């Protein structure tokens, strides 16, 4: 009944925006929703944590410089960086970390990142958390997300900027 509810809201002239903590741009999410039976005419737009992260890339490179970042997350999230003045570099050369989740979310959790975060703390790197969810359910498994890694980094004394719900920046966006 969700699709019918969304379409009814739009027919009643309600603007329907879908908000997700997906650390990818909204276009691939539209394709994913279509594969799940949610047509594009069921909503007016989608806002993702990835969209907000990309807006931050634009803001931080508006002076023409390239943002040097150390990416933490699976390869499937690399479209997040495409088309922006960002360079994925080694941690030692980075000015910030962008975390979209564990490198391998099928078997890694926050404790697997303690050593990496200790190195990042020694460099005093801020962390951009592009998916504040702590866990997500995939089938019958709970999978750790970037929010769990960001929480550990924060507990270790690191600075974390959360770009997604329930944090304010995504609602301002």
Protein backbone atom coordinates (compact mmCIF):
# COMPACT_ATOMS: atom_id res chain seq x y z
CA UNK A 1 0.00 0.00 0.00
CA UNK A 2 2.99 2.34 0.19
CA UNK A 3 3.06 3.16 -3.54
CA UNK A 4 -0.69 3.83 -3.57
CA UNK A 5 -0.32 6.10 -0.53
CA UNK A 6 2.52 8.06 -2.18
CA UNK A 7 0.57 8.46 -5.42
CA UNK A 8 -2.55 9.56 -3.52
CA UNK A 9 -0.51 12.20 -1.67
CA UNK A 10 0.88 13.51 -4.96
CA UNK A 11 -2.63 13.54 -6.50
CA UNK A 12 -3.67 15.73 -3.55
CA UNK A 13 -0.82 18.14 -4.47
CA UNK A 14 1.43 17.10 -1.55
CA UNK A 15 5.12 17.23 -2.40
CA UNK A 16 6.59 13.80 -1.71
CA UNK A 17 10.32 13.64 -0.99
CA UNK A 18 11.98 10.40 0.00
CA UNK A 19 14.90 10.69 2.41
CA UNK A 20 17.50 7.95 2.70
CA UNK A 21 20.87 7.53 4.35
CA UNK A 22 22.23 5.80 1.26
CA UNK A 23 25.78 7.10 0.75
CA UNK A 24 25.28 7.20 -3.00
CA UNK A 25 23.78 9.86 -5.28
CA UNK A 26 20.00 9.76 -5.71
CA UNK A 27 19.89 8.55 -9.35
CA UNK A 28 21.01 4.96 -8.58
CA UNK A 29 18.52 4.91 -5.71
CA UNK A 30 15.71 5.73 -8.15
CA UNK A 31 16.75 2.72 -10.23
CA UNK A 32 16.88 0.54 -7.10
CA UNK A 33 13.40 1.69 -6.04
CA UNK A 34 12.03 0.91 -9.52
CA UNK A 35 13.41 -2.63 -9.21
CA UNK A 36 11.46 -2.89 -5.93
CA UNK A 37 8.23 -1.76 -7.60
CA UNK A 38 8.29 1.94 -6.64
CA UNK A 39 7.82 3.91 -9.88
CA UNK A 40 9.26 7.39 -10.31
CA UNK A 41 5.80 8.93 -10.48
CA UNK A 42 5.18 7.90 -6.84
CA UNK A 43 7.38 10.72 -5.53
CA UNK A 44 8.68 14.14 -6.49
CA UNK A 45 12.29 13.66 -5.46
CA UNK A 46 14.83 11.78 -3.41
CA UNK A 47 17.43 13.20 -1.05
CA UNK A 48 20.27 10.90 -0.07
CA UNK A 49 23.14 11.23 2.34
CA UNK A 50 25.28 10.85 -0.78
CA UNK A 51 23.66 13.96 -2.30
CA UNK A 52 24.47 15.92 0.84
CA UNK A 53 28.05 14.61 0.85
CA UNK A 54 28.48 15.69 -2.76
CA UNK A 55 27.12 19.14 -1.92
CA UNK A 56 29.79 19.33 0.77
CA UNK A 57 32.44 18.41 -1.84
CA UNK A 58 31.24 21.31 -4.00
CA UNK A 59 31.29 23.69 -1.04
CA UNK A 60 34.77 22.67 0.06
CA UNK A 61 36.23 22.96 -3.45
CA UNK A 62 34.48 26.19 -4.49
CA UNK A 63 37.84 27.96 -4.39
CA UNK A 64 39.12 25.66 -7.17
CA UNK A 65 41.27 23.42 -5.00
CA UNK A 66 41.03 19.63 -4.87
CA UNK A 67 39.79 18.04 -1.67
CA UNK A 68 42.17 15.27 -0.59
CA UNK A 69 40.26 12.54 1.17
CA UNK A 70 40.85 9.07 2.53
CA UNK A 71 37.83 6.94 1.60
CA UNK A 72 36.58 4.23 3.94
CA UNK A 73 33.90 2.03 2.44
CA UNK A 74 33.20 -0.56 -0.24
CA UNK A 75 34.06 -0.03 -3.90
CA UNK A 76 30.33 0.08 -4.75
CA UNK A 77 30.22 3.55 -3.13
CA UNK A 78 32.91 5.04 -5.41
CA UNK A 79 30.31 6.78 -7.64
CA UNK A 80 30.00 9.20 -4.72
CA UNK A 81 33.34 10.74 -5.74
CA UNK A 82 32.89 10.84 -9.53
CA UNK A 83 32.71 14.25 -11.19
CA UNK A 84 33.99 16.23 -8.22
CA UNK A 85 37.30 17.91 -7.42
CA UNK A 86 38.28 15.22 -4.95
CA UNK A 87 41.33 12.99 -4.85
CA UNK A 88 41.27 9.68 -3.02
CA UNK A 89 44.64 9.56 -1.26
CA UNK A 90 46.48 7.63 1.44
CA UNK A 91 45.50 8.57 4.97
CA UNK A 92 48.83 10.33 5.55
CA UNK A 93 48.10 12.70 2.64
CA UNK A 94 44.42 13.31 3.42
CA UNK A 95 42.75 16.34 4.91
CA UNK A 96 39.61 14.40 5.83
CA UNK A 97 38.15 10.90 5.90
CA UNK A 98 34.91 10.10 4.10
CA UNK A 99 33.26 6.99 5.51
CA UNK A 100 30.43 5.30 3.63
CA UNK A 101 30.62 2.08 5.68
CA UNK A 102 32.96 -0.80 6.36
CA UNK A 103 35.19 -1.93 3.51
CA UNK A 104 33.50 -5.36 3.78
CA UNK A 105 30.18 -5.04 5.56
CA UNK A 106 29.58 -8.79 5.40
CA UNK A 107 32.20 -9.47 8.05
CA UNK A 108 33.54 -6.20 9.53
CA UNK A 109 32.28 -4.12 12.43
CA UNK A 110 33.47 -1.13 14.45
CA UNK A 111 36.08 -3.05 16.45
CA UNK A 112 37.87 -3.92 13.21
CA UNK A 113 38.56 -0.16 12.77
CA UNK A 114 40.18 0.65 16.12
CA UNK A 115 43.74 0.54 14.74
CA UNK A 116 42.82 2.54 11.62
CA UNK A 117 41.02 5.14 13.71
CA UNK A 118 43.97 5.38 16.10
CA UNK A 119 46.17 6.30 13.12
CA UNK A 120 43.58 8.82 11.93
CA UNK A 121 43.39 10.35 15.41
CA UNK A 122 47.18 10.71 15.49
CA UNK A 123 46.81 12.77 12.29
CA UNK A 124 43.85 14.68 13.80
CA UNK A 125 41.72 14.00 10.72
CA UNK A 126 38.03 14.91 10.76
CA UNK A 127 35.61 12.25 9.53
CA UNK A 128 32.63 12.83 7.23
CA UNK A 129 30.07 10.11 7.90
CA UNK A 130 28.09 9.70 4.67
CA UNK A 131 25.61 7.23 6.21
CA UNK A 132 24.77 7.81 9.89
CA UNK A 133 22.88 4.51 10.23
CA UNK A 134 24.42 2.25 12.87
CA UNK A 135 23.10 -0.97 11.34
CA UNK A 136 20.81 -2.02 8.54
CA UNK A 137 18.96 -5.27 8.06
CA UNK A 138 19.93 -7.18 4.93
CA UNK A 139 17.86 -10.33 4.70
CA UNK A 140 18.13 -11.93 8.13
CA UNK A 141 21.45 -10.25 8.99
CA UNK A 142 22.25 -6.97 10.72
CA UNK A 143 25.03 -5.19 8.83
CA UNK A 144 27.14 -2.42 10.35
CA UNK A 145 26.97 0.95 8.60
CA UNK A 146 29.17 4.05 8.58
CA UNK A 147 27.33 5.49 11.59
CA UNK A 148 28.71 2.72 13.81
CA UNK A 149 32.23 3.48 12.59
CA UNK A 150 31.69 7.22 13.08
CA UNK A 151 30.39 6.63 16.60
CA UNK A 152 33.56 4.71 17.50
CA UNK A 153 35.74 7.45 15.99
CA UNK A 154 33.88 10.04 18.03
CA UNK A 155 34.28 7.93 21.20
CA UNK A 156 38.02 7.87 20.47
CA UNK A 157 38.03 11.68 20.44
CA UNK A 158 37.66 12.25 16.70
CA UNK A 159 35.61 14.96 15.04
CA UNK A 160 32.68 13.53 13.06
CA UNK A 161 30.25 15.30 10.73
CA UNK A 162 27.13 13.15 10.23
CA UNK A 163 25.41 13.76 6.88
CA UNK A 164 22.05 12.04 7.11
CA UNK A 165 19.06 11.45 9.31
CA UNK A 166 18.48 12.01 12.15
CA UNK A 167 21.13 14.76 12.11
CA UNK A 168 20.24 18.37 11.25
CA UNK A 169 22.41 18.96 8.13
CA UNK A 170 20.29 16.69 5.94
CA UNK A 171 17.08 18.46 6.93
CA UNK A 172 18.64 21.86 6.24
CA UNK A 173 19.72 20.52 2.82
